[in-house]
Amino acid sequence: MKNIVKILSISFVTIIAFCLGNTVSGSILELTPHHKESYYEQYSSIVEEVNSEYPDANLELLPLDKFKEHEWVSPKEFKEIVKDIANLEFVVGENKKSENGFSVLSSTTIAKSKTTTITGTQVTISITGSFDTTLNSSQGRQMFSGINSITSRANKGTWRQTGYTPDLIDGGRTYSIDVGGKFTYNGVSVSRNINIEFFCSPTGKVS
């Protein structure tokens, strides 16, 4: 009986210690206004330092009051994030397929994506294009005839599209499009152009 009571007592103390440990750990992230100001000054120095190291990055730090609670991280972690943002490289991601049949004139919408990684977190920019295609009788196949719209969004952080520049190549079978925008993540903004290509098949399927 004594052994059972002893085991229960040890278990109870362990549970209490675990709960207290979690409470203390969680409270570290609840920064006071003074701590936030101190962190922000360090954030500012970090952004300035990284901009000097990567002159083409042109990173911008958001005002202190624009930071969300979950974006207050240690200066060491913030520097890792900033360096990843300065070196953003987007690669082709998974596409959402679109089908449309062979016709004289048709339109289709398809979403394609490009991804990057910031301190282990995958960020995806989804780019949706709406296109018109038309039958080229001399070649007996569908070709691009115009763009209805190009829109884009991010699954993490925020992406504000600022415009796009299309280039119709490959005899009207391919649209190479530079999509410009401002990406903001964890309080830091950077302008980027993302190139994406859309292809028109002989039957008017865009991929």
Protein backbone atom coordinates (compact mmCIF):
# COMPACT_ATOMS: atom_id res chain seq x y z
CA MET A 1 0.00 0.00 0.00
CA LYS A 2 2.85 2.37 0.89
CA ASN A 3 4.49 1.70 -2.48
CA ILE A 4 1.27 2.59 -4.32
CA VAL A 5 0.92 5.86 -2.38
CA LYS A 6 4.57 6.68 -3.11
CA ILE A 7 4.12 6.02 -6.84
CA LEU A 8 0.96 8.17 -6.96
CA SER A 9 2.74 11.00 -5.12
CA ILE A 10 5.67 10.94 -7.54
CA SER A 11 3.29 10.93 -10.52
CA PHE A 12 1.33 13.88 -9.10
CA VAL A 13 4.51 15.90 -8.52
CA THR A 14 5.72 15.07 -12.04
CA ILE A 15 2.42 16.28 -13.56
CA ILE A 16 2.52 19.52 -11.54
CA ALA A 17 6.14 20.15 -12.56
CA PHE A 18 5.29 19.52 -16.22
CA CYS A 19 2.37 21.97 -16.11
CA LEU A 20 4.46 24.62 -14.39
CA GLY A 21 7.22 24.08 -16.91
CA ASN A 22 4.80 24.65 -19.78
CA THR A 23 3.43 27.77 -18.13
CA VAL A 24 6.88 29.26 -17.70
CA SER A 25 7.86 28.30 -21.25
CA GLY A 26 4.70 29.84 -22.70
CA SER A 27 5.09 33.10 -20.78
CA ILE A 28 8.47 33.74 -22.43
CA LEU A 29 6.68 34.50 -25.70
CA GLU A 30 4.39 37.02 -24.00
CA LEU A 31 6.72 39.98 -24.40
CA THR A 32 6.14 43.25 -22.59
CA PRO A 33 6.00 46.46 -24.65
CA HIS A 34 9.53 47.23 -23.45
CA HIS A 35 10.80 43.84 -24.65
CA LYS A 36 9.09 44.33 -28.00
CA GLU A 37 10.79 47.69 -28.46
CA SER A 38 14.13 46.09 -27.64
CA TYR A 39 13.50 43.24 -30.08
CA TYR A 40 12.36 45.68 -32.76
CA GLU A 41 15.59 47.66 -32.50
CA GLN A 42 17.51 44.41 -33.01
CA TYR A 43 15.22 43.43 -35.90
CA SER A 44 15.96 46.78 -37.55
CA SER A 45 19.72 46.23 -37.23
CA ILE A 46 19.39 42.72 -38.63
CA VAL A 47 17.45 43.89 -41.70
CA GLU A 48 20.01 46.62 -42.30
CA GLU A 49 22.85 44.11 -41.96
CA VAL A 50 21.24 41.59 -44.35
CA ASN A 51 20.48 44.35 -46.88
CA SER A 52 24.18 45.24 -46.81
CA GLU A 53 25.11 41.61 -47.36
CA TYR A 54 22.52 41.16 -50.16
CA PRO A 55 22.20 44.61 -51.89
CA ASP A 56 19.62 43.36 -54.39
CA ALA A 57 17.24 42.15 -51.67
CA ASN A 58 15.89 45.60 -50.66
CA LEU A 59 14.15 44.18 -47.59
CA GLU A 60 11.72 46.38 -45.68
CA LEU A 61 10.84 46.08 -41.99
CA LEU A 62 7.19 46.65 -41.08
CA PRO A 63 6.37 49.20 -38.33
CA LEU A 64 6.43 47.80 -34.80
CA ASP A 65 2.65 48.04 -34.39
CA LYS A 66 2.11 45.91 -37.51
CA PHE A 67 3.77 42.85 -35.98
CA LYS A 68 1.40 40.05 -35.02
CA GLU A 69 1.89 38.30 -31.69
CA HIS A 70 3.17 35.07 -33.25
CA GLU A 71 5.76 37.05 -35.26
CA TRP A 72 7.72 38.07 -32.17
CA VAL A 73 10.59 35.59 -32.26
CA SER A 74 14.10 35.69 -30.85
CA PRO A 75 16.56 37.91 -32.78
CA LYS A 76 18.55 34.80 -33.68
CA GLU A 77 15.49 33.14 -35.25
CA PHE A 78 14.49 36.43 -36.89
CA LYS A 79 17.90 36.69 -38.57
CA GLU A 80 17.51 33.18 -40.01
CA ILE A 81 14.10 34.14 -41.41
CA VAL A 82 15.41 37.40 -42.90
CA LYS A 83 18.36 35.68 -44.60
CA ASP A 84 16.00 33.11 -46.14
CA ILE A 85 13.72 35.89 -47.40
CA ALA A 86 16.71 37.68 -48.93
CA ASN A 87 17.55 34.50 -50.84
CA LEU A 88 14.04 33.50 -51.93
CA GLU A 89 14.00 31.17 -54.91
CA PHE A 90 10.64 29.91 -56.16
CA VAL A 91 10.50 26.53 -57.90
CA VAL A 92 7.63 24.92 -59.78
CA GLY A 93 5.04 23.30 -57.55
CA GLU A 94 2.04 21.07 -58.16
CA ASN A 95 -0.52 22.27 -60.72
CA LYS A 96 -4.30 22.01 -60.68
CA LYS A 97 -5.25 20.52 -64.01
CA SER A 98 -7.75 22.08 -66.38
CA GLU A 99 -9.54 20.40 -69.27
CA ASN A 100 -11.43 21.86 -72.21
CA GLY A 101 -12.37 20.35 -75.53
CA PHE A 102 -11.33 21.17 -79.06
CA SER A 103 -13.36 24.12 -80.41
CA VAL A 104 -13.06 27.20 -82.61
CA LEU A 105 -12.96 29.53 -79.57
CA SER A 106 -12.80 28.61 -75.90
CA SER A 107 -11.55 29.83 -72.55
CA THR A 108 -9.96 28.01 -69.66
CA THR A 109 -8.67 28.71 -66.15
CA ILE A 110 -5.79 26.92 -64.48
CA ALA A 111 -3.86 27.37 -61.23
CA LYS A 112 -0.13 26.75 -61.12
CA SER A 113 2.20 27.27 -58.19
CA LYS A 114 5.77 27.97 -57.19
CA THR A 115 7.21 27.16 -53.79
CA THR A 116 10.07 28.18 -51.53
CA THR A 117 11.17 27.38 -47.98
CA ILE A 118 11.76 29.81 -45.11
CA THR A 119 13.44 28.25 -42.04
CA GLY A 120 11.82 24.91 -42.78
CA THR A 121 8.35 26.27 -43.58
CA GLN A 122 7.12 25.74 -47.14
CA VAL A 123 5.59 28.82 -48.76
CA THR A 124 3.52 28.46 -51.92
CA ILE A 125 2.51 31.22 -54.32
CA SER A 126 -0.50 30.07 -56.35
CA ILE A 127 -0.92 31.79 -59.71
CA THR A 128 -4.25 31.44 -61.52
CA GLY A 129 -4.52 32.29 -65.21
CA SER A 130 -7.66 32.65 -67.30
CA PHE A 131 -6.99 32.37 -71.04
CA ASP A 132 -8.76 32.41 -74.39
CA THR A 133 -7.70 29.93 -77.06
CA THR A 134 -8.71 29.80 -80.70
CA LEU A 135 -8.44 27.30 -83.53
CA ASN A 136 -5.59 28.01 -85.92
CA SER A 137 -6.95 26.51 -89.14
CA SER A 138 -3.62 26.58 -90.96
CA GLN A 139 -1.98 24.45 -88.26
CA GLY A 140 -5.10 22.50 -87.29
CA ARG A 141 -4.66 23.14 -83.58
CA GLN A 142 -5.64 25.49 -80.75
CA MET A 143 -3.45 28.50 -79.92
CA PHE A 144 -3.56 31.15 -77.21
CA SER A 145 -5.53 34.22 -78.32
CA GLY A 146 -5.48 36.30 -75.13
CA ILE A 147 -5.43 36.59 -71.34
CA ASN A 148 -8.56 37.33 -69.32
CA SER A 149 -6.86 37.61 -65.94
CA ILE A 150 -3.84 36.64 -63.86
CA THR A 151 -4.26 36.49 -60.07
CA SER A 152 -2.01 35.16 -57.30
CA ARG A 153 -1.93 34.51 -53.56
CA ALA A 154 0.29 32.99 -50.86
CA ASN A 155 -0.52 30.21 -48.41
CA LYS A 156 1.81 31.69 -45.77
CA GLY A 157 2.56 35.34 -45.05
CA THR A 158 0.96 37.75 -47.52
CA TRP A 159 1.49 38.30 -51.23
CA ARG A 160 0.22 41.48 -52.90
CA GLN A 161 0.34 41.24 -56.68
CA THR A 162 1.53 44.45 -58.32
CA GLY A 163 1.19 43.46 -61.96
CA TYR A 164 2.26 41.00 -64.63
CA THR A 165 4.11 41.04 -67.96
CA PRO A 166 3.10 38.38 -70.51
CA ASP A 167 5.18 37.16 -73.44
CA LEU A 168 3.50 34.96 -76.06
CA ILE A 169 6.14 32.62 -77.48
CA ASP A 170 6.54 29.29 -79.26
CA GLY A 171 4.27 30.31 -82.13
CA GLY A 172 1.37 31.15 -79.82
CA ARG A 173 1.50 27.89 -77.88
CA THR A 174 3.19 29.20 -74.72
CA TYR A 175 2.66 32.17 -72.41
CA SER A 176 5.72 33.10 -70.35
CA ILE A 177 4.51 35.49 -67.66
CA ASP A 178 6.45 37.50 -65.06
CA VAL A 179 4.16 38.07 -62.07
CA GLY A 180 5.33 40.90 -59.82
CA GLY A 181 4.37 41.31 -56.19
CA LYS A 182 5.38 42.20 -52.66
CA PHE A 183 5.79 39.29 -50.27
CA THR A 184 5.57 39.90 -46.52
CA TYR A 185 6.55 37.29 -43.94
CA ASN A 186 7.16 37.70 -40.22
CA GLY A 187 7.28 41.47 -40.45
CA VAL A 188 9.66 41.70 -43.41
CA SER A 189 8.67 42.65 -46.98
CA VAL A 190 10.45 41.98 -50.25
CA SER A 191 9.50 42.63 -53.89
CA ARG A 192 9.80 39.70 -56.26
CA ASN A 193 9.05 38.73 -59.87
CA ILE A 194 7.95 35.13 -60.35
CA ASN A 195 8.13 33.64 -63.84
CA ILE A 196 5.54 31.04 -64.76
CA GLU A 197 4.74 29.37 -68.07
CA PHE A 198 1.39 28.15 -69.41
CA PHE A 199 1.14 25.79 -72.37
CA CYS A 200 -1.70 25.26 -74.86
CA SER A 201 -2.13 21.74 -76.26
CA PRO A 202 -3.44 21.03 -79.78
CA THR A 203 -6.93 20.44 -78.30
CA GLY A 204 -6.90 23.64 -76.22
CA LYS A 205 -5.95 22.11 -72.89
CA VAL A 206 -3.89 24.59 -70.86
CA SER A 207 -1.23 23.26 -68.53
